[in-house]
Amino acid sequence: MTDLVPSSHRDLLDDTTPALAVLATTMADSTPQVTPVWFDVVDGLIRINTARGRTKYKNMLERPQVALAIIDPKDSYRFIQIRGRVVASTEKGGREHIGRLGKKYRSWGLYPVDPVPVRVIFSIRPEHVTVAT
């Protein structure tokens, strides 16, 4: 994925930058659905975490084409738009993953939801990237 992202914007994908992403999925009736999400990047794939059964969960399983806008937390006019496809989903490690994201974005020791619903990690392979500065 790094070959798709200009060096000027790679910092937005780094774990030390808590840049929020806005995920766009498609509903069954073809209308768009957007949700702000936390994310990380592993092996060139963007990973997001959600609870089993949520709208974005259902949409990504049924229609894997997605888009993300990752916004610079210091300058909202600087962002990356990534269009891609969900290539994997797993419940394995989902609770631990949301815990790591909670540390990245909120400095939480533990994700503060009790009881924690079944968490699912979705992996997205970027196919097209554009940037704005």
N, C-alpha and C. Protein backbone atom coordinates (compact mmCIF):
# COMPACT_ATOMS: atom_id res chain seq x y z
N MET A 1 0.82 -1.19 0.00
CA MET A 1 0.00 0.00 0.00
C MET A 1 0.86 1.25 0.00
N THR A 2 2.03 1.20 0.60
CA THR A 2 2.84 2.42 0.71
C THR A 2 3.17 3.00 -0.65
N ASP A 3 3.20 2.18 -1.69
CA ASP A 3 3.46 2.72 -3.02
C ASP A 3 2.27 3.54 -3.54
N LEU A 4 1.08 3.33 -3.00
CA LEU A 4 -0.09 4.11 -3.40
C LEU A 4 -0.19 5.44 -2.66
N VAL A 5 0.39 5.51 -1.47
CA VAL A 5 0.27 6.70 -0.62
C VAL A 5 1.51 7.56 -0.77
N PRO A 6 1.36 8.82 -1.18
CA PRO A 6 2.52 9.71 -1.29
C PRO A 6 3.21 9.87 0.07
N SER A 7 4.52 10.02 0.04
CA SER A 7 5.27 10.17 1.29
C SER A 7 4.76 11.35 2.12
N SER A 8 4.20 12.35 1.46
CA SER A 8 3.68 13.53 2.16
C SER A 8 2.52 13.22 3.09
N HIS A 9 1.88 12.05 2.92
CA HIS A 9 0.69 11.73 3.71
C HIS A 9 0.81 10.41 4.48
N ARG A 10 1.95 9.75 4.41
CA ARG A 10 2.11 8.46 5.09
C ARG A 10 1.99 8.57 6.60
N ASP A 11 2.30 9.75 7.14
CA ASP A 11 2.19 9.93 8.59
C ASP A 11 0.76 9.71 9.08
N LEU A 12 -0.23 9.93 8.23
CA LEU A 12 -1.62 9.76 8.64
C LEU A 12 -1.98 8.29 8.88
N LEU A 13 -1.15 7.39 8.37
CA LEU A 13 -1.38 5.96 8.54
C LEU A 13 -0.58 5.38 9.70
N ASP A 14 0.27 6.18 10.30
CA ASP A 14 1.17 5.74 11.35
C ASP A 14 0.41 5.56 12.67
N ASP A 15 0.82 4.58 13.46
CA ASP A 15 0.17 4.34 14.76
C ASP A 15 0.37 5.47 15.75
N THR A 16 1.35 6.33 15.51
CA THR A 16 1.58 7.43 16.45
C THR A 16 0.69 8.64 16.15
N THR A 17 0.01 8.64 15.01
CA THR A 17 -0.90 9.72 14.65
C THR A 17 -2.34 9.23 14.80
N PRO A 18 -3.10 9.76 15.76
CA PRO A 18 -4.48 9.29 15.94
C PRO A 18 -5.45 9.93 14.94
N ALA A 19 -5.17 9.75 13.66
CA ALA A 19 -6.04 10.28 12.61
C ALA A 19 -7.31 9.44 12.53
N LEU A 20 -8.43 10.10 12.57
CA LEU A 20 -9.72 9.42 12.47
C LEU A 20 -10.03 9.13 11.01
N ALA A 21 -10.64 7.99 10.76
CA ALA A 21 -11.09 7.66 9.41
C ALA A 21 -12.61 7.71 9.36
N VAL A 22 -13.14 8.07 8.21
CA VAL A 22 -14.57 7.98 7.97
C VAL A 22 -14.76 6.89 6.93
N LEU A 23 -15.47 5.85 7.30
CA LEU A 23 -15.68 4.68 6.46
C LEU A 23 -17.01 4.80 5.74
N ALA A 24 -17.00 4.61 4.43
CA ALA A 24 -18.23 4.59 3.64
C ALA A 24 -18.47 3.18 3.15
N THR A 25 -19.67 2.68 3.44
CA THR A 25 -20.11 1.38 2.94
C THR A 25 -21.40 1.60 2.16
N THR A 26 -21.90 0.53 1.57
CA THR A 26 -23.13 0.62 0.78
C THR A 26 -24.22 -0.25 1.40
N MET A 27 -25.38 0.35 1.58
CA MET A 27 -26.54 -0.37 2.11
C MET A 27 -27.12 -1.29 1.03
N ALA A 28 -28.01 -2.18 1.44
CA ALA A 28 -28.64 -3.11 0.50
C ALA A 28 -29.42 -2.39 -0.58
N ASP A 29 -29.95 -1.20 -0.27
CA ASP A 29 -30.71 -0.43 -1.27
C ASP A 29 -29.81 0.49 -2.11
N SER A 30 -28.50 0.29 -2.02
CA SER A 30 -27.47 1.03 -2.79
C SER A 30 -27.21 2.44 -2.27
N THR A 31 -27.80 2.83 -1.15
CA THR A 31 -27.50 4.14 -0.59
C THR A 31 -26.22 4.05 0.24
N PRO A 32 -25.51 5.17 0.36
CA PRO A 32 -24.27 5.16 1.15
C PRO A 32 -24.55 5.21 2.65
N GLN A 33 -23.62 4.69 3.41
CA GLN A 33 -23.66 4.74 4.86
C GLN A 33 -22.25 5.10 5.31
N VAL A 34 -22.09 6.09 6.19
CA VAL A 34 -20.77 6.50 6.65
C VAL A 34 -20.69 6.43 8.17
N THR A 35 -19.49 6.11 8.65
CA THR A 35 -19.25 5.96 10.07
C THR A 35 -17.82 6.39 10.39
N PRO A 36 -17.59 7.21 11.41
CA PRO A 36 -16.22 7.46 11.84
C PRO A 36 -15.68 6.21 12.53
N VAL A 37 -14.44 5.85 12.22
CA VAL A 37 -13.85 4.63 12.78
C VAL A 37 -12.38 4.86 13.15
N TRP A 38 -11.94 4.07 14.12
CA TRP A 38 -10.52 3.97 14.44
C TRP A 38 -9.93 2.92 13.51
N PHE A 39 -8.64 3.00 13.25
CA PHE A 39 -8.01 2.04 12.35
C PHE A 39 -6.53 1.88 12.68
N ASP A 40 -5.95 0.82 12.13
CA ASP A 40 -4.50 0.68 12.09
C ASP A 40 -4.15 0.05 10.75
N VAL A 41 -2.86 -0.03 10.48
CA VAL A 41 -2.38 -0.60 9.22
C VAL A 41 -1.39 -1.71 9.55
N VAL A 42 -1.63 -2.91 8.99
CA VAL A 42 -0.75 -4.05 9.18
C VAL A 42 -0.55 -4.73 7.84
N ASP A 43 0.70 -4.91 7.47
CA ASP A 43 1.05 -5.60 6.22
C ASP A 43 0.34 -4.99 5.01
N GLY A 44 0.23 -3.67 4.99
CA GLY A 44 -0.36 -2.97 3.85
C GLY A 44 -1.88 -2.97 3.81
N LEU A 45 -2.52 -3.56 4.83
CA LEU A 45 -3.98 -3.58 4.89
C LEU A 45 -4.45 -2.64 6.00
N ILE A 46 -5.52 -1.92 5.73
CA ILE A 46 -6.13 -1.07 6.74
C ILE A 46 -7.10 -1.95 7.52
N ARG A 47 -6.96 -1.92 8.86
CA ARG A 47 -7.83 -2.75 9.69
C ARG A 47 -8.73 -1.85 10.54
N ILE A 48 -10.01 -2.18 10.51
CA ILE A 48 -10.96 -1.49 11.39
C ILE A 48 -11.63 -2.56 12.25
N ASN A 49 -12.28 -2.11 13.31
CA ASN A 49 -12.87 -3.03 14.27
C ASN A 49 -14.30 -2.58 14.53
N THR A 50 -15.20 -3.53 14.54
CA THR A 50 -16.60 -3.23 14.85
C THR A 50 -17.21 -4.40 15.61
N ALA A 51 -18.39 -4.19 16.12
CA ALA A 51 -19.12 -5.25 16.80
C ALA A 51 -19.93 -6.04 15.78
N ARG A 52 -19.99 -7.35 16.02
CA ARG A 52 -20.79 -8.21 15.14
C ARG A 52 -22.24 -7.71 15.12
N GLY A 53 -22.82 -7.62 13.91
CA GLY A 53 -24.22 -7.25 13.76
C GLY A 53 -24.48 -5.79 13.46
N ARG A 54 -23.49 -4.93 13.62
CA ARG A 54 -23.71 -3.51 13.32
C ARG A 54 -23.90 -3.31 11.82
N THR A 55 -24.42 -2.15 11.46
CA THR A 55 -24.72 -1.87 10.05
C THR A 55 -23.47 -1.99 9.18
N LYS A 56 -22.36 -1.39 9.58
CA LYS A 56 -21.15 -1.48 8.74
C LYS A 56 -20.65 -2.91 8.64
N TYR A 57 -20.83 -3.69 9.69
CA TYR A 57 -20.47 -5.12 9.68
C TYR A 57 -21.24 -5.84 8.57
N LYS A 58 -22.55 -5.67 8.57
CA LYS A 58 -23.38 -6.33 7.56
C LYS A 58 -23.04 -5.84 6.15
N ASN A 59 -22.88 -4.53 6.01
CA ASN A 59 -22.58 -3.97 4.70
C ASN A 59 -21.26 -4.50 4.15
N MET A 60 -20.22 -4.54 4.98
CA MET A 60 -18.91 -4.99 4.49
C MET A 60 -18.90 -6.47 4.14
N LEU A 61 -19.68 -7.27 4.86
CA LEU A 61 -19.75 -8.70 4.52
C LEU A 61 -20.48 -8.91 3.19
N GLU A 62 -21.52 -8.13 2.96
CA GLU A 62 -22.35 -8.33 1.76
C GLU A 62 -21.86 -7.55 0.55
N ARG A 63 -21.24 -6.39 0.77
CA ARG A 63 -20.76 -5.54 -0.31
C ARG A 63 -19.38 -5.02 0.08
N PRO A 64 -18.32 -5.72 -0.31
CA PRO A 64 -16.98 -5.43 0.21
C PRO A 64 -16.29 -4.18 -0.35
N GLN A 65 -16.87 -3.52 -1.32
CA GLN A 65 -16.27 -2.27 -1.82
C GLN A 65 -16.51 -1.17 -0.79
N VAL A 66 -15.43 -0.50 -0.35
CA VAL A 66 -15.56 0.55 0.67
C VAL A 66 -14.69 1.74 0.28
N ALA A 67 -14.89 2.82 0.99
CA ALA A 67 -14.03 3.99 0.86
C ALA A 67 -13.77 4.54 2.25
N LEU A 68 -12.58 5.12 2.41
CA LEU A 68 -12.22 5.76 3.67
C LEU A 68 -11.66 7.13 3.39
N ALA A 69 -11.98 8.07 4.25
CA ALA A 69 -11.30 9.36 4.27
C ALA A 69 -10.60 9.42 5.61
N ILE A 70 -9.28 9.56 5.58
CA ILE A 70 -8.48 9.64 6.80
C ILE A 70 -8.02 11.08 6.93
N ILE A 71 -8.45 11.72 8.01
CA ILE A 71 -8.32 13.16 8.17
C ILE A 71 -7.22 13.50 9.16
N ASP A 72 -6.35 14.43 8.78
CA ASP A 72 -5.28 14.89 9.66
C ASP A 72 -5.91 15.56 10.89
N PRO A 73 -5.60 15.08 12.11
CA PRO A 73 -6.22 15.70 13.30
C PRO A 73 -5.77 17.14 13.55
N LYS A 74 -4.69 17.58 12.89
CA LYS A 74 -4.20 18.95 13.07
C LYS A 74 -4.67 19.89 11.96
N ASP A 75 -5.13 19.34 10.84
CA ASP A 75 -5.54 20.15 9.69
C ASP A 75 -6.59 19.38 8.91
N SER A 76 -7.87 19.70 9.13
CA SER A 76 -8.95 18.92 8.52
C SER A 76 -9.02 19.03 7.00
N TYR A 77 -8.25 19.95 6.41
CA TYR A 77 -8.21 20.05 4.95
C TYR A 77 -7.16 19.12 4.34
N ARG A 78 -6.36 18.49 5.19
CA ARG A 78 -5.33 17.53 4.74
C ARG A 78 -5.85 16.12 5.04
N PHE A 79 -6.03 15.34 4.00
CA PHE A 79 -6.58 14.00 4.20
C PHE A 79 -6.18 13.08 3.06
N ILE A 80 -6.45 11.80 3.27
CA ILE A 80 -6.27 10.78 2.25
C ILE A 80 -7.64 10.16 1.98
N GLN A 81 -7.96 9.95 0.72
CA GLN A 81 -9.14 9.17 0.37
C GLN A 81 -8.63 7.84 -0.18
N ILE A 82 -9.14 6.76 0.38
CA ILE A 82 -8.74 5.42 -0.06
C ILE A 82 -9.99 4.65 -0.45
N ARG A 83 -9.99 4.15 -1.66
CA ARG A 83 -11.05 3.24 -2.09
C ARG A 83 -10.45 1.85 -2.17
N GLY A 84 -11.19 0.88 -1.69
CA GLY A 84 -10.65 -0.47 -1.69
C GLY A 84 -11.71 -1.51 -1.45
N ARG A 85 -11.23 -2.68 -1.06
CA ARG A 85 -12.10 -3.84 -0.91
C ARG A 85 -11.76 -4.55 0.39
N VAL A 86 -12.80 -4.99 1.10
CA VAL A 86 -12.60 -5.84 2.28
C VAL A 86 -12.12 -7.20 1.78
N VAL A 87 -10.98 -7.64 2.29
CA VAL A 87 -10.41 -8.91 1.84
C VAL A 87 -10.43 -9.98 2.93
N ALA A 88 -10.73 -9.59 4.17
CA ALA A 88 -10.79 -10.57 5.26
C ALA A 88 -11.55 -9.99 6.43
N SER A 89 -12.13 -10.89 7.22
CA SER A 89 -12.73 -10.51 8.50
C SER A 89 -12.51 -11.66 9.45
N THR A 90 -12.31 -11.32 10.73
CA THR A 90 -12.09 -12.34 11.73
C THR A 90 -12.51 -11.84 13.10
N GLU A 91 -13.03 -12.75 13.91
CA GLU A 91 -13.32 -12.45 15.30
C GLU A 91 -12.09 -12.71 16.17
N LYS A 92 -11.16 -13.51 15.65
CA LYS A 92 -9.95 -13.87 16.41
C LYS A 92 -9.13 -12.60 16.68
N GLY A 93 -8.88 -12.34 17.95
CA GLY A 93 -8.10 -11.18 18.34
C GLY A 93 -8.87 -9.87 18.33
N GLY A 94 -10.18 -9.94 18.10
CA GLY A 94 -10.99 -8.72 17.99
C GLY A 94 -11.01 -7.87 19.25
N ARG A 95 -11.13 -8.51 20.41
CA ARG A 95 -11.15 -7.75 21.68
C ARG A 95 -9.80 -7.09 21.93
N GLU A 96 -8.73 -7.82 21.66
CA GLU A 96 -7.39 -7.26 21.86
C GLU A 96 -7.14 -6.09 20.90
N HIS A 97 -7.61 -6.23 19.68
CA HIS A 97 -7.44 -5.19 18.68
C HIS A 97 -8.16 -3.90 19.09
N ILE A 98 -9.40 -4.01 19.54
CA ILE A 98 -10.12 -2.80 19.94
C ILE A 98 -9.45 -2.18 21.17
N GLY A 99 -8.84 -3.00 22.00
CA GLY A 99 -8.08 -2.49 23.13
C GLY A 99 -6.88 -1.67 22.70
N ARG A 100 -6.14 -2.16 21.70
CA ARG A 100 -4.98 -1.41 21.16
C ARG A 100 -5.44 -0.10 20.51
N LEU A 101 -6.56 -0.16 19.77
CA LEU A 101 -7.07 1.07 19.16
C LEU A 101 -7.53 2.06 20.22
N GLY A 102 -8.12 1.56 21.31
CA GLY A 102 -8.52 2.44 22.40
C GLY A 102 -7.34 3.16 23.02
N LYS A 103 -6.20 2.48 23.10
CA LYS A 103 -4.98 3.12 23.60
C LYS A 103 -4.49 4.19 22.63
N LYS A 104 -4.52 3.87 21.33
CA LYS A 104 -4.06 4.81 20.31
C LYS A 104 -4.89 6.08 20.30
N TYR A 105 -6.20 5.93 20.35
CA TYR A 105 -7.09 7.08 20.17
C TYR A 105 -7.53 7.77 21.46
N ARG A 106 -7.59 7.04 22.56
CA ARG A 106 -8.12 7.61 23.79
C ARG A 106 -7.24 7.39 25.01
N SER A 107 -6.09 6.72 24.82
CA SER A 107 -5.19 6.39 25.94
C SER A 107 -5.88 5.53 27.00
N TRP A 108 -6.83 4.70 26.58
CA TRP A 108 -7.51 3.80 27.51
C TRP A 108 -6.64 2.59 27.80
N GLY A 109 -6.64 2.11 29.03
CA GLY A 109 -5.97 0.87 29.36
C GLY A 109 -6.77 -0.32 28.87
N LEU A 110 -8.08 -0.26 29.08
CA LEU A 110 -9.00 -1.29 28.61
C LEU A 110 -10.14 -0.59 27.88
N TYR A 111 -10.68 -1.27 26.87
CA TYR A 111 -11.82 -0.71 26.16
C TYR A 111 -13.00 -0.68 27.13
N PRO A 112 -13.58 0.49 27.40
CA PRO A 112 -14.54 0.64 28.51
C PRO A 112 -15.99 0.28 28.19
N VAL A 113 -16.22 -0.88 27.65
CA VAL A 113 -17.59 -1.34 27.40
C VAL A 113 -17.74 -2.68 28.10
N ASP A 114 -18.73 -2.78 28.95
CA ASP A 114 -18.94 -4.03 29.67
C ASP A 114 -20.41 -4.40 29.57
N PRO A 115 -20.78 -5.55 29.08
CA PRO A 115 -19.86 -6.52 28.51
C PRO A 115 -19.47 -6.12 27.08
N VAL A 116 -18.28 -6.48 26.70
CA VAL A 116 -17.81 -6.16 25.35
C VAL A 116 -18.50 -7.09 24.36
N PRO A 117 -19.16 -6.53 23.33
CA PRO A 117 -19.78 -7.40 22.32
C PRO A 117 -18.69 -8.12 21.52
N VAL A 118 -19.08 -9.10 20.75
CA VAL A 118 -18.11 -9.81 19.91
C VAL A 118 -17.54 -8.81 18.92
N ARG A 119 -16.23 -8.66 18.94
CA ARG A 119 -15.55 -7.70 18.08
C ARG A 119 -15.00 -8.41 16.85
N VAL A 120 -15.05 -7.71 15.72
CA VAL A 120 -14.61 -8.27 14.45
C VAL A 120 -13.62 -7.31 13.80
N ILE A 121 -12.52 -7.85 13.32
CA ILE A 121 -11.52 -7.06 12.59
C ILE A 121 -11.78 -7.26 11.10
N PHE A 122 -11.94 -6.16 10.37
CA PHE A 122 -12.07 -6.18 8.92
C PHE A 122 -10.78 -5.63 8.32
N SER A 123 -10.23 -6.33 7.34
CA SER A 123 -9.02 -5.90 6.65
C SER A 123 -9.38 -5.43 5.25
N ILE A 124 -8.91 -4.22 4.93
CA ILE A 124 -9.24 -3.57 3.65
C ILE A 124 -7.98 -3.39 2.83
N ARG A 125 -8.02 -3.87 1.60
CA ARG A 125 -6.90 -3.69 0.67
C ARG A 125 -7.15 -2.44 -0.16
N PRO A 126 -6.30 -1.42 -0.02
CA PRO A 126 -6.45 -0.20 -0.82
C PRO A 126 -6.24 -0.50 -2.31
N GLU A 127 -7.08 0.11 -3.15
CA GLU A 127 -6.95 -0.05 -4.60
C GLU A 127 -6.71 1.29 -5.30
N HIS A 128 -7.17 2.38 -4.68
CA HIS A 128 -7.00 3.70 -5.28
C HIS A 128 -6.86 4.72 -4.15
N VAL A 129 -5.88 5.62 -4.28
CA VAL A 129 -5.62 6.62 -3.25
C VAL A 129 -5.53 8.00 -3.87
N THR A 130 -6.19 8.97 -3.24
CA THR A 130 -6.00 10.38 -3.60
C THR A 130 -5.75 11.14 -2.31
N VAL A 131 -5.08 12.28 -2.42
CA VAL A 131 -4.76 13.07 -1.23
C VAL A 131 -5.15 14.52 -1.44
N ALA A 132 -5.33 15.23 -0.34
CA ALA A 132 -5.57 16.66 -0.37
C ALA A 132 -4.69 17.30 0.70
N THR A 133 -4.19 18.48 0.37
CA THR A 133 -3.34 19.18 1.35
C THR A 133 -3.91 20.55 1.64
